[in-house]
Protein backbone atom coordinates (compact mmCIF):
# COMPACT_ATOMS: atom_id res chain seq x y z
CA UNK A 1 11.72 -14.33 -27.05
CA UNK A 2 11.04 -13.39 -23.38
CA UNK A 3 13.00 -10.93 -21.65
CA UNK A 4 13.50 -11.60 -18.10
CA UNK A 5 13.19 -8.30 -16.79
CA UNK A 6 12.15 -7.65 -13.06
CA UNK A 7 8.59 -8.12 -11.52
CA UNK A 8 6.63 -5.04 -11.31
CA UNK A 9 3.98 -2.67 -9.12
CA UNK A 10 0.68 -2.41 -8.16
CA UNK A 11 -2.32 0.23 -7.80
CA UNK A 12 -2.51 4.28 -8.67
CA UNK A 13 -2.11 6.94 -11.13
CA UNK A 14 -0.89 9.74 -12.36
CA UNK A 15 -1.78 12.24 -15.53
CA UNK A 16 -1.22 15.20 -17.24
CA UNK A 17 -3.25 17.49 -19.88
CA UNK A 18 -7.12 17.53 -21.16
CA UNK A 19 -9.06 14.81 -20.03
CA UNK A 20 -9.70 13.04 -23.61
CA UNK A 21 -10.77 9.50 -24.49
CA UNK A 22 -8.24 6.80 -25.40
CA UNK A 23 -8.93 6.48 -28.58
CA UNK A 24 -9.04 9.95 -29.96
CA UNK A 25 -5.84 11.25 -32.34
CA UNK A 26 -3.38 13.63 -31.03
CA UNK A 27 -1.17 15.76 -33.01
CA UNK A 28 2.06 14.16 -34.28
CA UNK A 29 4.19 16.45 -32.42
CA UNK A 30 2.25 15.68 -29.12
CA UNK A 31 3.38 13.61 -26.33
CA UNK A 32 0.38 11.86 -25.05
CA UNK A 33 0.66 9.43 -21.92
CA UNK A 34 -2.56 6.75 -21.11
CA UNK A 35 -3.84 6.65 -17.75
CA UNK A 36 -7.04 5.06 -16.05
CA UNK A 37 -7.43 7.97 -13.32
CA UNK A 38 -11.01 9.53 -13.56
CA UNK A 39 -10.03 11.54 -10.55
CA UNK A 40 -10.53 15.69 -11.10
CA UNK A 41 -8.53 16.65 -8.49
CA UNK A 42 -5.69 14.22 -9.75
CA UNK A 43 -6.17 15.01 -13.12
CA UNK A 44 -5.87 19.39 -12.70
CA UNK A 45 -2.83 18.25 -10.50
CA UNK A 46 -1.49 16.67 -13.47
CA UNK A 47 -2.15 18.82 -16.19
CA UNK A 48 -0.30 21.77 -14.34
CA UNK A 49 2.36 19.77 -14.25
CA UNK A 50 2.23 18.67 -17.58
CA UNK A 51 1.51 22.51 -18.73
CA UNK A 52 5.21 23.63 -16.80
CA UNK A 53 6.76 20.48 -18.21
CA UNK A 54 5.42 21.96 -21.42
CA UNK A 55 6.92 25.58 -20.74
CA UNK A 56 10.22 24.24 -20.04
CA UNK A 57 10.53 22.20 -23.41
CA UNK A 58 10.00 24.84 -25.98
CA UNK A 59 6.15 24.82 -25.37
CA UNK A 60 5.85 21.10 -26.40
CA UNK A 61 1.75 20.11 -25.90
CA UNK A 62 1.39 17.15 -23.86
CA UNK A 63 -2.02 15.16 -23.69
CA UNK A 64 -3.59 12.70 -20.90
CA UNK A 65 -5.96 9.98 -22.97
CA UNK A 66 -7.82 8.60 -20.33
CA UNK A 67 -9.94 5.09 -20.15
CA UNK A 68 -11.55 3.07 -17.35
CA UNK A 69 -9.50 0.34 -15.46
CA UNK A 70 -11.22 -2.25 -16.75
CA UNK A 71 -10.13 -1.61 -20.54
CA UNK A 72 -7.02 0.02 -19.83
CA UNK A 73 -4.74 -2.95 -20.66
CA UNK A 74 -6.77 -4.31 -23.72
CA UNK A 75 -7.15 -0.66 -25.14
CA UNK A 76 -3.16 0.07 -24.97
CA UNK A 77 -2.11 -3.09 -26.30
CA UNK A 78 -4.79 -2.84 -29.43
CA UNK A 79 -2.72 0.08 -29.76
CA UNK A 80 0.82 -1.27 -29.40
CA UNK A 81 -0.27 -4.15 -32.13
CA UNK A 82 -1.42 -1.48 -34.58
CA UNK A 83 1.67 0.61 -34.31
CA UNK A 84 0.00 3.67 -32.88
CA UNK A 85 1.58 3.09 -29.08
CA UNK A 86 1.28 6.46 -26.67
CA UNK A 87 4.21 7.70 -25.57
CA UNK A 88 3.77 6.73 -21.88
CA UNK A 89 1.60 4.72 -19.86
CA UNK A 90 0.98 4.42 -15.88
CA UNK A 91 0.64 0.25 -15.37
CA UNK A 92 0.02 -1.99 -12.61
CA UNK A 93 2.35 -4.81 -12.01
CA UNK A 94 0.57 -7.88 -13.38
CA UNK A 95 -0.08 -5.91 -16.69
CA UNK A 96 3.58 -4.52 -17.00
CA UNK A 97 4.57 -8.40 -16.78
CA UNK A 98 3.49 -9.11 -19.33
CA UNK A 99 4.29 -6.19 -21.41
CA UNK A 100 8.08 -6.27 -20.28
CA UNK A 101 8.08 -9.60 -21.10
CA UNK A 102 7.25 -9.08 -24.66
CA UNK A 103 10.17 -6.30 -24.73
CA UNK A 104 7.13 -3.25 -24.94
CA UNK A 105 8.99 -1.60 -22.34
CA UNK A 106 11.46 1.08 -23.22
CA UNK A 107 14.90 0.95 -20.52
CA UNK A 108 15.01 4.25 -19.02
CA UNK A 109 18.18 3.23 -16.67
CA UNK A 110 20.57 5.04 -18.45
CA UNK A 111 18.95 8.29 -18.85
CA UNK A 112 18.14 8.28 -14.55
CA UNK A 113 21.75 7.14 -13.92
CA UNK A 114 23.09 9.84 -16.72
CA UNK A 115 21.21 12.36 -14.35
CA UNK A 116 22.93 13.63 -11.32
CA UNK A 117 20.09 16.12 -10.49
CA UNK A 118 17.19 12.86 -10.31
CA UNK A 119 18.87 11.62 -7.68
CA UNK A 120 18.06 7.93 -8.36
CA UNK A 121 19.76 7.01 -5.15
CA UNK A 122 17.18 9.10 -2.72
CA UNK A 123 14.44 6.21 -3.81
CA UNK A 124 14.05 3.38 -0.99
CA UNK A 125 15.98 0.67 -2.12
CA UNK A 126 13.15 -1.58 -2.23
CA UNK A 127 11.07 0.55 -4.73
CA UNK A 128 12.42 -1.01 -7.87
CA UNK A 129 12.30 -4.84 -6.66
CA UNK A 130 9.49 -4.90 -9.46
CA UNK A 131 10.84 -2.60 -12.15
CA UNK A 132 14.60 -3.56 -12.39
CA UNK A 133 16.26 -6.35 -14.18
CA UNK A 134 20.38 -6.16 -13.76
CA UNK A 135 21.15 -2.59 -14.99
CA UNK A 136 17.65 -2.62 -16.85
CA UNK A 137 14.62 -0.02 -15.36
CA UNK A 138 11.56 -0.92 -17.34
CA UNK A 139 10.03 2.11 -15.43
CA UNK A 140 9.97 3.98 -12.30
CA UNK A 141 7.03 3.40 -9.54
CA UNK A 142 5.62 6.85 -8.69
CA UNK A 143 2.95 5.30 -6.42
CA UNK A 144 4.45 2.77 -3.46
CA UNK A 145 1.19 2.68 -1.93
CA UNK A 146 1.23 0.63 1.77
CA UNK A 147 -1.61 -1.79 3.04
CA UNK A 148 -2.76 -1.11 6.55
CA UNK A 149 -5.92 -1.80 8.72
CA UNK A 150 -8.75 0.72 9.18
CA UNK A 151 -11.68 0.09 11.88
CA UNK A 152 -14.68 1.08 12.92
CA UNK A 153 -13.78 2.30 16.63
CA UNK A 154 -17.71 2.79 17.27
CA UNK A 155 -18.06 -1.18 17.05
CA UNK A 156 -15.45 -2.12 18.99
CA UNK A 157 -16.38 0.33 21.47
CA UNK A 158 -19.81 -0.83 22.00
CA UNK A 159 -18.57 -4.14 22.37
CA UNK A 160 -16.09 -3.61 25.33
CA UNK A 161 -13.27 -4.97 23.40
CA UNK A 162 -9.95 -3.61 22.57
CA UNK A 163 -9.03 -1.09 20.10
CA UNK A 164 -6.89 -2.43 17.36
CA UNK A 165 -4.30 0.06 17.34
CA UNK A 166 -3.78 -0.03 21.22
CA UNK A 167 -3.36 -3.76 20.96
CA UNK A 168 -0.52 -3.10 18.08
CA UNK A 169 1.21 -0.81 19.87
CA UNK A 170 1.51 -3.48 22.45
CA UNK A 171 2.39 -5.87 20.11
CA UNK A 172 -0.79 -7.67 20.21
CA UNK A 173 -2.44 -7.40 17.31
CA UNK A 174 -2.17 -10.61 15.19
CA UNK A 175 -4.55 -12.44 12.69
CA UNK A 176 -5.23 -14.56 15.30
CA UNK A 177 -6.22 -12.52 17.93
CA UNK A 178 -8.21 -10.52 15.62
CA UNK A 179 -9.46 -13.96 14.41
CA UNK A 180 -10.90 -14.09 18.85
CA UNK A 181 -12.01 -10.54 18.94
CA UNK A 182 -14.11 -11.48 15.75
CA UNK A 183 -16.18 -13.81 17.41
CA UNK A 184 -17.43 -11.87 20.00
CA UNK A 185 -17.84 -8.89 18.16
CA UNK A 186 -19.64 -10.41 15.37
CA UNK A 187 -22.71 -10.91 17.31
CA UNK A 188 -22.89 -7.69 18.27
CA UNK A 189 -22.91 -6.21 14.89
CA UNK A 190 -25.94 -5.15 13.19
CA UNK A 191 -27.94 -7.73 10.78
CA UNK A 192 -26.12 -8.04 7.21
CA UNK A 193 -22.85 -6.64 8.72
CA UNK A 194 -19.87 -9.04 9.33
CA UNK A 195 -16.35 -8.14 11.10
CA UNK A 196 -13.70 -8.67 8.22
CA UNK A 197 -14.11 -7.23 4.58
CA UNK A 198 -11.03 -7.78 2.56
CA UNK A 199 -9.59 -5.32 0.32
CA UNK A 200 -11.98 -3.79 -1.92
CA UNK A 201 -13.98 -6.95 -1.17
CA UNK A 202 -12.74 -8.81 -3.99
CA UNK A 203 -11.41 -11.98 -1.43
CA UNK A 204 -13.18 -14.61 -3.76
CA UNK A 205 -12.43 -12.31 -7.61
CA UNK A 206 -9.25 -12.91 -9.94
CA UNK A 207 -6.22 -13.63 -8.33
CA UNK A 208 -4.86 -10.22 -9.25
CA UNK A 209 -7.48 -8.45 -7.15
CA UNK A 210 -7.51 -11.00 -4.47
CA UNK A 211 -3.63 -10.91 -3.73
CA UNK A 212 -3.67 -7.53 -1.95
CA UNK A 213 -5.50 -9.51 0.99
CA UNK A 214 -3.67 -12.92 0.42
CA UNK A 215 -0.16 -11.77 0.36
CA UNK A 216 -0.08 -9.91 4.02
CA UNK A 217 -1.94 -12.76 5.29
CA UNK A 218 0.89 -15.40 3.87
CA UNK A 219 3.41 -13.13 5.17
CA UNK A 220 2.24 -12.75 8.79
CA UNK A 221 2.92 -16.46 8.82
CA UNK A 222 6.08 -17.00 7.30
CA UNK A 223 4.71 -17.84 3.86
CA UNK A 224 5.37 -16.63 0.46
CA UNK A 225 3.89 -17.53 -2.79
CA UNK A 226 7.17 -19.10 -4.21
CA UNK A 227 10.67 -19.34 -3.08
CA UNK A 228 13.14 -18.60 -6.36
CA UNK A 229 11.23 -20.77 -9.31
CA UNK A 230 9.50 -23.20 -6.72
CA UNK A 231 5.95 -23.01 -5.81
CA UNK A 232 5.63 -22.86 -1.98
CA UNK A 233 1.99 -22.17 -1.40
CA UNK A 234 1.79 -26.47 -0.13
CA UNK A 235 3.44 -25.46 3.33
CA UNK A 236 1.78 -25.81 6.65
CA UNK A 237 2.41 -22.13 6.91
CA UNK A 238 0.65 -21.23 3.97
CA UNK A 239 -2.08 -23.81 4.97
CA UNK A 240 -2.53 -22.30 8.17
CA UNK A 241 -2.77 -18.84 7.03
CA UNK A 242 -5.64 -19.83 4.35
CA UNK A 243 -6.85 -21.78 6.83
CA UNK A 244 -7.48 -18.94 9.43
CA UNK A 245 -9.20 -16.57 6.82
CA UNK A 246 -11.31 -19.69 5.56
CA UNK A 247 -12.12 -20.25 8.77
CA UNK A 248 -13.51 -16.93 9.70
CA UNK A 249 -15.75 -16.91 5.93
CA UNK A 250 -16.97 -20.17 6.46
CA UNK A 251 -17.22 -21.55 9.90
CA UNK A 252 -17.01 -18.56 12.23
CA UNK A 253 -19.19 -16.31 9.38
CA UNK A 254 -16.94 -13.34 10.75
CA UNK A 255 -15.31 -12.57 7.21
CA UNK A 256 -17.80 -11.73 4.47
CA UNK A 257 -18.10 -14.71 2.47
CA UNK A 258 -19.16 -15.35 -1.23
CA UNK A 259 -21.97 -13.58 -2.37
CA UNK A 260 -22.71 -11.61 0.43
CA UNK A 261 -22.07 -7.71 0.35
CA UNK A 262 -20.82 -5.59 2.94
CA UNK A 263 -19.13 -2.31 2.77
CA UNK A 264 -16.85 -0.94 5.32
CA UNK A 265 -17.25 2.45 4.46
CA UNK A 266 -20.91 2.17 4.49
CA UNK A 267 -20.84 1.18 7.84
CA UNK A 268 -21.62 -2.56 7.71
CA UNK A 269 -18.18 -4.43 8.16
CA UNK A 270 -16.03 -3.73 11.27
CA UNK A 271 -12.61 -3.33 9.26
CA UNK A 272 -10.63 -3.73 6.01
CA UNK A 273 -7.98 -3.37 4.95
CA UNK A 274 -7.30 -0.34 2.64
CA UNK A 275 -4.28 2.20 0.82
CA UNK A 276 -4.22 5.45 1.19
CA UNK A 277 -6.17 6.40 -2.33
CA UNK A 278 -9.51 4.82 -0.84
CA UNK A 279 -9.41 7.27 2.41
CA UNK A 280 -11.36 9.73 0.66
CA UNK A 281 -14.92 7.16 0.75
CA UNK A 282 -14.36 8.18 4.86
CA UNK A 283 -15.72 11.74 3.79
CA UNK A 284 -19.16 12.18 5.28
CA UNK A 285 -18.51 8.60 7.50
CA UNK A 286 -21.13 8.56 9.99
CA UNK A 287 -18.58 6.58 12.20
CA UNK A 288 -15.87 6.85 14.10
CA UNK A 289 -12.45 5.08 12.53
CA UNK A 290 -8.80 4.69 13.47
CA UNK A 291 -5.99 3.00 11.51
CA UNK A 292 -4.16 0.02 12.49
CA UNK A 293 -0.94 -1.57 10.88
CA UNK A 294 -1.41 -4.97 9.21
CA UNK A 295 -2.13 -7.59 11.90
CA UNK A 296 1.03 -9.96 12.53
CA UNK A 297 1.53 -13.38 12.92
CA UNK A 298 4.50 -16.31 13.89
CA UNK A 299 6.20 -14.77 10.71
CA UNK A 300 6.52 -11.29 12.32
CA UNK A 301 5.14 -7.93 11.31
CA UNK A 302 4.24 -7.68 7.35
CA UNK A 303 4.78 -4.53 5.31
CA UNK A 304 3.28 -4.94 1.90
CA UNK A 305 3.47 -2.53 -0.82
CA UNK A 306 1.16 -2.15 -3.60
CA UNK A 307 2.88 -0.27 -6.21
CA UNK A 308 1.90 2.07 -10.06
CA UNK A 309 4.48 2.68 -11.86
CA UNK A 310 5.40 5.28 -14.87
CA UNK A 311 6.80 3.26 -18.11
CA UNK A 312 8.10 4.62 -21.92
CA UNK A 313 6.49 2.71 -24.51
CA UNK A 314 9.81 1.33 -26.63
CA UNK A 315 7.93 2.46 -29.98
CA UNK A 316 6.84 5.84 -28.30
CA UNK A 317 7.46 8.29 -31.31
CA UNK A 318 8.43 10.98 -29.18
CA UNK A 319 10.42 8.89 -26.55
CA UNK A 320 13.65 10.96 -25.85
CA UNK A 321 10.92 13.28 -24.94
CA UNK A 322 8.84 10.98 -23.16
CA UNK A 323 11.75 9.96 -20.79
CA UNK A 324 12.34 13.71 -19.72
CA UNK A 325 8.63 13.67 -18.95
CA UNK A 326 8.80 10.51 -16.86
CA UNK A 327 11.55 12.06 -15.32
CA UNK A 328 9.67 15.18 -14.14
CA UNK A 329 6.85 13.82 -12.93
CA UNK A 330 8.94 11.03 -10.41
CA UNK A 331 11.51 14.17 -9.80
CA UNK A 332 11.80 14.89 -5.81
CA UNK A 333 8.97 18.78 -6.68
CA UNK A 334 6.82 16.50 -8.48
CA UNK A 335 6.55 13.73 -6.04
CA UNK A 336 6.10 15.57 -3.36
CA UNK A 337 2.96 17.58 -4.80
CA UNK A 338 1.49 14.26 -6.01
CA UNK A 339 2.48 12.57 -2.69
CA UNK A 340 -1.04 13.00 -1.18
CA UNK A 341 -2.93 10.98 -3.88
CA UNK A 342 0.34 8.64 -4.54
CA UNK A 343 2.74 7.87 -1.30
CA UNK A 344 6.01 8.35 -2.67
CA UNK A 345 9.06 5.87 -2.49
CA UNK A 346 11.22 8.97 -2.19
CA UNK A 347 13.17 9.36 0.96
CA UNK A 348 13.55 13.27 0.99
CA UNK A 349 9.88 13.21 0.55
CA UNK A 350 9.14 10.53 3.18
CA UNK A 351 10.98 12.69 5.66
CA UNK A 352 8.62 15.38 5.68
CA UNK A 353 5.61 12.82 5.90
CA UNK A 354 4.10 14.54 8.70
CA UNK A 355 3.94 17.70 6.84
CA UNK A 356 2.86 16.48 3.89
CA UNK A 357 -0.48 14.62 4.80
CA UNK A 358 -1.18 17.36 7.34
CA UNK A 359 -4.99 17.24 6.81
CA UNK A 360 -5.30 14.24 5.13
CA UNK A 361 -7.63 11.51 6.81
CA UNK A 362 -4.75 9.79 8.40
CA UNK A 363 -3.36 11.58 12.04
CA UNK A 364 0.38 12.29 12.14
CA UNK A 365 0.37 9.24 14.65
CA UNK A 366 -0.47 6.79 11.70
CA UNK A 367 1.35 8.58 9.33
CA UNK A 368 4.80 8.10 11.29
CA UNK A 369 3.78 4.51 12.74
CA UNK A 370 2.23 3.02 9.79
CA UNK A 371 2.58 4.54 6.38
CA UNK A 372 6.13 5.51 6.32
CA UNK A 373 7.30 2.05 7.85
CA UNK A 374 4.79 0.26 5.09
CA UNK A 375 6.69 2.58 2.58
CA UNK A 376 10.33 2.20 3.85
CA UNK A 377 10.17 -1.36 5.26
CA UNK A 378 7.87 -2.45 3.17
CA UNK A 379 7.51 -5.12 -0.05
CA UNK A 380 5.96 -5.54 -2.92
CA UNK A 381 4.97 -8.68 -4.55
CA UNK A 382 7.66 -9.97 -6.60
CA UNK A 383 5.70 -11.25 -9.92
CA UNK A 384 6.57 -14.18 -11.85
CA UNK A 385 7.43 -13.16 -15.43
CA UNK A 386 4.87 -16.10 -16.29
CA UNK A 387 2.64 -14.23 -14.22
CA UNK A 388 -0.54 -14.60 -16.78
CA UNK A 389 -0.42 -17.78 -17.39
CA UNK A 390 0.14 -18.08 -13.54
CA UNK A 391 -2.94 -16.30 -12.84
CA UNK A 392 -5.16 -18.55 -15.34
CA UNK A 393 -3.88 -21.90 -13.93
CA UNK A 394 -4.45 -21.01 -10.20
CA UNK A 395 -8.02 -19.61 -10.89
CA UNK A 396 -9.71 -22.47 -10.12
CA UNK A 397 -7.90 -23.92 -7.18
CA UNK A 398 -8.80 -20.41 -5.87
CA UNK A 399 -12.51 -20.95 -6.66
CA UNK A 400 -12.44 -24.57 -5.37
CA UNK A 401 -10.70 -23.15 -2.35
CA UNK A 402 -13.29 -20.78 -1.30
CA UNK A 403 -16.22 -22.77 -0.78
CA UNK A 404 -17.49 -24.06 2.51
CA UNK A 405 -16.29 -27.83 2.60
CA UNK A 406 -12.65 -27.23 0.78
CA UNK A 407 -9.37 -29.00 2.30
CA UNK A 408 -6.92 -26.25 2.63
CA UNK A 409 -3.90 -27.70 2.27
CA UNK A 410 -5.12 -30.47 -0.65
CA UNK A 411 -6.17 -27.52 -2.49
CA UNK A 412 -3.23 -25.75 -2.00
CA UNK A 413 -0.80 -28.83 -2.60
CA UNK A 414 -2.81 -28.95 -5.86
CA UNK A 415 -2.19 -25.01 -6.55
CA UNK A 416 1.75 -26.02 -6.67
CA UNK A 417 1.13 -28.56 -8.93
CA UNK A 418 -0.65 -26.68 -11.64
CA UNK A 419 1.51 -23.45 -11.13
CA UNK A 420 5.17 -25.38 -10.46
CA UNK A 421 5.66 -25.79 -13.60
CA UNK A 422 5.41 -22.22 -14.89
CA UNK A 423 7.22 -21.03 -12.20
CA UNK A 424 10.26 -22.91 -13.59
CA UNK A 425 9.93 -21.70 -17.12
CA UNK A 426 12.69 -20.09 -18.41
CA UNK A 427 11.66 -18.34 -21.63
């Protein structure tokens, strides 16, 4: 029996004590949490927070079990099926949708609402779009990371073209303008370089990893994947949006095409869509860079976020203590410390964002004009409860779409024919 639960979130993390393999067995009295980060700074901070929590709870040991992201869902699912669940986990939206639908995640809503010190109302209201179904809350988003553009200022300056941030300030930074500038800029770039690289270069991969590029594009043109339980990818707005990117890749040659490699951070793409957690790759960059909001379009200025959240598993052997640890890690105090890695959806922390992000790659004006409104006004993609089945059905159509001769409107119509019945599935 599927449980309708509210949809979920997209990208980032948290951790606690010593980093050890997910297959390692902790003691019976140990609270365990699985994560996929291997970043030592993140682990170090979370180790300290875990130690503080342990000290406040009678010295109860808290242990992190980490595994590469590519294997994370599989290994956690095996443990759940085998009756050996961790207490807590951190999930991205596509995986959490399936787990919530099969009633694997605990409802933490009563505990959050019963604790006035937790200040549940401090969260940006839209942050729980993918985590709440009625009164039930299946996790807490600790990272709500908006998508934005980072660009190579040197490339634009040498070509004598307008700076994207200046265009944005004048309300002229749109996908149509970007496509036009790209045609002028492409011929000035070094061999093997392109103007546009998709988010993480994943446009032509599986739907879950291409969606961070496609969702902002669709929203800019006033299109959506679905309206309620009806597929709307066959709309004229969606065709115009996808058609713009298709022309950039196959007709104009300005977007990295399938099979090609061009990494913005290595200096061979002029701009890309990114998030705060990716900016560590700018360290040592041999070019000047700048930041701009997502390109706008006929549908307005898109504000789109990805989310990662903390969950407590229904079978958790230390469920009550796990919920307390979840509350601890998503409290205002902890989120203020975690914010430099994971943009927080707590309004009290965002009120001090220029101070919180001082010294990071984002300059103060980008924090104020891009990061903060990206969170407070941003929307996460609402994953349908049948997303696991939808992504499987949709993938062959997207594979067909990203070819030079594809008829975009026909492909999108075919897409709705495939996923429409899945969107309308009720159980």
